[in-house]
């Protein structure tokens, strides 16, 4: 079974520290009934720059980018079964979780959240996910 690369112009694909170079990764890969979405961060899709703002602003942008990649594959948050979240500062978790709850609007997923330093300066949150299709 071949894997299908998914790319959305409505979400950024960049290098890790140099926004002018394409990343050596796919935004997402569909394999059978599974979709694996690479980590999305708080980047503007057009400029590939980090959106300014607090964790709430960055979480909204990150989830918007994730939603756009899912949509390109014909999915949405209802298809997501697992998310992995990286927060630069775990003290941001309560506010992050408020925005997460708001955006997912009652949808339940399994989730792991860890504190770590994202590769790009100014990025305070990164989220990847796995989605399933019927």
C-alpha atoms as a PDB file:
ATOM      1  CA  UNK A   1       0.000   0.000   0.000  1.00  0.00           C
ATOM      2  CA  UNK A   2       1.571   3.322  -1.047  1.00  0.00           C
ATOM      3  CA  UNK A   3       1.731   6.327   1.232  1.00  0.00           C
ATOM      4  CA  UNK A   4       0.118   9.562   0.068  1.00  0.00           C
ATOM      5  CA  UNK A   5       1.788  12.881   0.837  1.00  0.00           C
ATOM      6  CA  UNK A   6      -0.632  15.597   1.956  1.00  0.00           C
ATOM      7  CA  UNK A   7       0.273  19.271   1.529  1.00  0.00           C
ATOM      8  CA  UNK A   8      -1.857  22.304   2.347  1.00  0.00           C
ATOM      9  CA  UNK A   9      -0.964  25.814   1.220  1.00  0.00           C
ATOM     10  CA  UNK A  10      -3.101  27.011   4.152  1.00  0.00           C
ATOM     11  CA  UNK A  11      -0.498  25.722   6.624  1.00  0.00           C
ATOM     12  CA  UNK A  12       3.230  26.440   6.671  1.00  0.00           C
ATOM     13  CA  UNK A  13       5.920  24.037   5.595  1.00  0.00           C
ATOM     14  CA  UNK A  14       9.314  25.399   6.565  1.00  0.00           C
ATOM     15  CA  UNK A  15      12.749  24.343   7.654  1.00  0.00           C
ATOM     16  CA  UNK A  16      13.509  24.070  11.320  1.00  0.00           C
ATOM     17  CA  UNK A  17      15.582  27.204  11.820  1.00  0.00           C
ATOM     18  CA  UNK A  18      15.715  28.685   8.329  1.00  0.00           C
ATOM     19  CA  UNK A  19      12.244  29.671   7.137  1.00  0.00           C
ATOM     20  CA  UNK A  20      13.517  30.101   3.570  1.00  0.00           C
ATOM     21  CA  UNK A  21      14.294  26.410   3.112  1.00  0.00           C
ATOM     22  CA  UNK A  22      11.727  23.662   2.666  1.00  0.00           C
ATOM     23  CA  UNK A  23      11.570  21.108   5.438  1.00  0.00           C
ATOM     24  CA  UNK A  24      12.824  17.581   4.750  1.00  0.00           C
ATOM     25  CA  UNK A  25       9.444  16.312   5.969  1.00  0.00           C
ATOM     26  CA  UNK A  26       5.845  16.034   4.769  1.00  0.00           C
ATOM     27  CA  UNK A  27       3.060  18.065   6.358  1.00  0.00           C
ATOM     28  CA  UNK A  28       1.120  14.822   6.539  1.00  0.00           C
ATOM     29  CA  UNK A  29       1.150  11.289   5.202  1.00  0.00           C
ATOM     30  CA  UNK A  30      -1.932   9.182   4.639  1.00  0.00           C
ATOM     31  CA  UNK A  31      -1.288   5.460   4.837  1.00  0.00           C
ATOM     32  CA  UNK A  32      -4.387   3.335   4.421  1.00  0.00           C
ATOM     33  CA  UNK A  33      -6.992   4.605   6.849  1.00  0.00           C
ATOM     34  CA  UNK A  34      -4.454   6.482   8.974  1.00  0.00           C
ATOM     35  CA  UNK A  35      -3.208  10.054   8.688  1.00  0.00           C
ATOM     36  CA  UNK A  36      -0.006  11.186  10.396  1.00  0.00           C
ATOM     37  CA  UNK A  37       0.335  14.964  10.651  1.00  0.00           C
ATOM     38  CA  UNK A  38       3.748  16.505  11.343  1.00  0.00           C
ATOM     39  CA  UNK A  39       4.121  18.983  14.159  1.00  0.00           C
ATOM     40  CA  UNK A  40       2.474  22.292  13.460  1.00  0.00           C
ATOM     41  CA  UNK A  41       3.452  25.478  15.218  1.00  0.00           C
ATOM     42  CA  UNK A  42       2.260  29.069  15.456  1.00  0.00           C
ATOM     43  CA  UNK A  43       3.467  30.133  12.034  1.00  0.00           C
ATOM     44  CA  UNK A  44       1.659  32.289   9.528  1.00  0.00           C
ATOM     45  CA  UNK A  45       1.109  30.163   6.416  1.00  0.00           C
ATOM     46  CA  UNK A  46       1.929  32.990   4.000  1.00  0.00           C
ATOM     47  CA  UNK A  47       4.953  34.547   5.668  1.00  0.00           C
ATOM     48  CA  UNK A  48       6.198  31.451   7.527  1.00  0.00           C
ATOM     49  CA  UNK A  49       6.972  33.689  10.483  1.00  0.00           C
ATOM     50  CA  UNK A  50       6.037  33.060  14.103  1.00  0.00           C
ATOM     51  CA  UNK A  51       2.822  34.868  15.022  1.00  0.00           C
ATOM     52  CA  UNK A  52       3.412  37.294  17.872  1.00  0.00           C
ATOM     53  CA  UNK A  53       1.436  36.827  21.035  1.00  0.00           C
ATOM     54  CA  UNK A  54       0.964  34.814  24.180  1.00  0.00           C
ATOM     55  CA  UNK A  55       0.314  31.087  24.463  1.00  0.00           C
ATOM     56  CA  UNK A  56      -3.390  31.571  23.684  1.00  0.00           C
ATOM     57  CA  UNK A  57      -2.643  33.326  20.378  1.00  0.00           C
ATOM     58  CA  UNK A  58       0.034  30.784  19.462  1.00  0.00           C
ATOM     59  CA  UNK A  59      -2.200  27.827  20.379  1.00  0.00           C
ATOM     60  CA  UNK A  60      -5.029  29.143  18.193  1.00  0.00           C
ATOM     61  CA  UNK A  61      -2.662  29.562  15.232  1.00  0.00           C
ATOM     62  CA  UNK A  62      -1.133  26.129  15.768  1.00  0.00           C
ATOM     63  CA  UNK A  63      -4.549  24.444  15.892  1.00  0.00           C
ATOM     64  CA  UNK A  64      -5.659  26.427  12.828  1.00  0.00           C
ATOM     65  CA  UNK A  65      -2.632  25.135  10.920  1.00  0.00           C
ATOM     66  CA  UNK A  66      -3.352  21.605  12.110  1.00  0.00           C
ATOM     67  CA  UNK A  67      -7.020  21.945  11.093  1.00  0.00           C
ATOM     68  CA  UNK A  68      -5.966  23.141   7.624  1.00  0.00           C
ATOM     69  CA  UNK A  69      -3.697  20.145   7.051  1.00  0.00           C
ATOM     70  CA  UNK A  70      -6.432  17.793   8.270  1.00  0.00           C
ATOM     71  CA  UNK A  71      -8.923  19.463   5.905  1.00  0.00           C
ATOM     72  CA  UNK A  72      -6.580  18.987   2.946  1.00  0.00           C
ATOM     73  CA  UNK A  73      -6.746  15.247   3.676  1.00  0.00           C
ATOM     74  CA  UNK A  74     -10.543  15.303   4.028  1.00  0.00           C
ATOM     75  CA  UNK A  75     -10.467  15.103   7.830  1.00  0.00           C
ATOM     76  CA  UNK A  76     -11.146  17.277  10.850  1.00  0.00           C
ATOM     77  CA  UNK A  77     -10.717  17.060  14.608  1.00  0.00           C
ATOM     78  CA  UNK A  78     -13.425  14.357  14.756  1.00  0.00           C
ATOM     79  CA  UNK A  79     -10.983  12.035  12.936  1.00  0.00           C
ATOM     80  CA  UNK A  80      -8.113  12.701  15.353  1.00  0.00           C
ATOM     81  CA  UNK A  81      -7.340   9.898  17.793  1.00  0.00           C
ATOM     82  CA  UNK A  82      -4.071  11.149  19.257  1.00  0.00           C
ATOM     83  CA  UNK A  83      -2.234  14.446  19.698  1.00  0.00           C
ATOM     84  CA  UNK A  84       1.205  15.179  21.052  1.00  0.00           C
ATOM     85  CA  UNK A  85       1.802  18.669  22.431  1.00  0.00           C
ATOM     86  CA  UNK A  86       5.108  20.349  23.174  1.00  0.00           C
ATOM     87  CA  UNK A  87       5.052  23.450  25.358  1.00  0.00           C
ATOM     88  CA  UNK A  88       8.158  25.562  25.796  1.00  0.00           C
ATOM     89  CA  UNK A  89       6.956  26.529  29.286  1.00  0.00           C
ATOM     90  CA  UNK A  90       4.741  24.095  31.198  1.00  0.00           C
ATOM     91  CA  UNK A  91       3.462  27.042  33.252  1.00  0.00           C
ATOM     92  CA  UNK A  92       1.460  27.863  30.081  1.00  0.00           C
ATOM     93  CA  UNK A  93      -0.473  24.584  30.346  1.00  0.00           C
ATOM     94  CA  UNK A  94      -3.656  25.955  32.004  1.00  0.00           C
ATOM     95  CA  UNK A  95      -4.118  28.685  29.376  1.00  0.00           C
ATOM     96  CA  UNK A  96      -3.121  26.319  26.560  1.00  0.00           C
ATOM     97  CA  UNK A  97      -5.710  23.820  27.793  1.00  0.00           C
ATOM     98  CA  UNK A  98      -8.463  26.485  27.854  1.00  0.00           C
ATOM     99  CA  UNK A  99      -7.838  27.329  24.201  1.00  0.00           C
ATOM    100  CA  UNK A 100      -7.468  23.644  23.270  1.00  0.00           C
ATOM    101  CA  UNK A 101     -10.843  22.892  24.884  1.00  0.00           C
ATOM    102  CA  UNK A 102     -12.438  25.865  23.100  1.00  0.00           C
ATOM    103  CA  UNK A 103     -11.112  24.954  19.648  1.00  0.00           C
ATOM    104  CA  UNK A 104     -11.851  21.230  19.887  1.00  0.00           C
ATOM    105  CA  UNK A 105     -15.370  22.120  21.084  1.00  0.00           C
ATOM    106  CA  UNK A 106     -16.057  18.950  23.038  1.00  0.00           C
ATOM    107  CA  UNK A 107     -14.193  16.578  20.727  1.00  0.00           C
ATOM    108  CA  UNK A 108     -12.146  14.070  22.719  1.00  0.00           C
ATOM    109  CA  UNK A 109      -8.690  12.828  21.718  1.00  0.00           C
ATOM    110  CA  UNK A 110      -5.904  11.060  23.521  1.00  0.00           C
ATOM    111  CA  UNK A 111      -3.134  13.501  24.229  1.00  0.00           C
ATOM    112  CA  UNK A 112       0.363  13.747  25.645  1.00  0.00           C
ATOM    113  CA  UNK A 113       1.739  17.123  26.680  1.00  0.00           C
ATOM    114  CA  UNK A 114       5.397  17.616  27.499  1.00  0.00           C
ATOM    115  CA  UNK A 115       7.637  20.533  28.265  1.00  0.00           C
ATOM    116  CA  UNK A 116      10.532  20.917  25.857  1.00  0.00           C
ATOM    117  CA  UNK A 117      12.252  23.543  23.780  1.00  0.00           C
ATOM    118  CA  UNK A 118      10.881  23.718  20.216  1.00  0.00           C
ATOM    119  CA  UNK A 119      13.577  24.128  17.566  1.00  0.00           C
ATOM    120  CA  UNK A 120      12.504  27.565  16.394  1.00  0.00           C
ATOM    121  CA  UNK A 121      12.994  30.736  18.405  1.00  0.00           C
ATOM    122  CA  UNK A 122       9.682  32.255  19.484  1.00  0.00           C
ATOM    123  CA  UNK A 123       7.671  29.052  19.064  1.00  0.00           C
ATOM    124  CA  UNK A 124       5.986  28.263  22.359  1.00  0.00           C
ATOM    125  CA  UNK A 125       3.765  25.366  21.262  1.00  0.00           C
ATOM    126  CA  UNK A 126       3.906  22.579  18.689  1.00  0.00           C
ATOM    127  CA  UNK A 127       1.269  19.893  18.064  1.00  0.00           C
ATOM    128  CA  UNK A 128       1.243  16.792  15.892  1.00  0.00           C
ATOM    129  CA  UNK A 129      -1.516  14.227  15.534  1.00  0.00           C
ATOM    130  CA  UNK A 130      -2.723  10.917  14.172  1.00  0.00           C
ATOM    131  CA  UNK A 131      -6.160  10.687  12.572  1.00  0.00           C
ATOM    132  CA  UNK A 132      -8.200   7.716  11.345  1.00  0.00           C
ATOM    133  CA  UNK A 133     -10.662   7.336   8.490  1.00  0.00           C
ATOM    134  CA  UNK A 134     -13.532   4.845   8.255  1.00  0.00           C
END
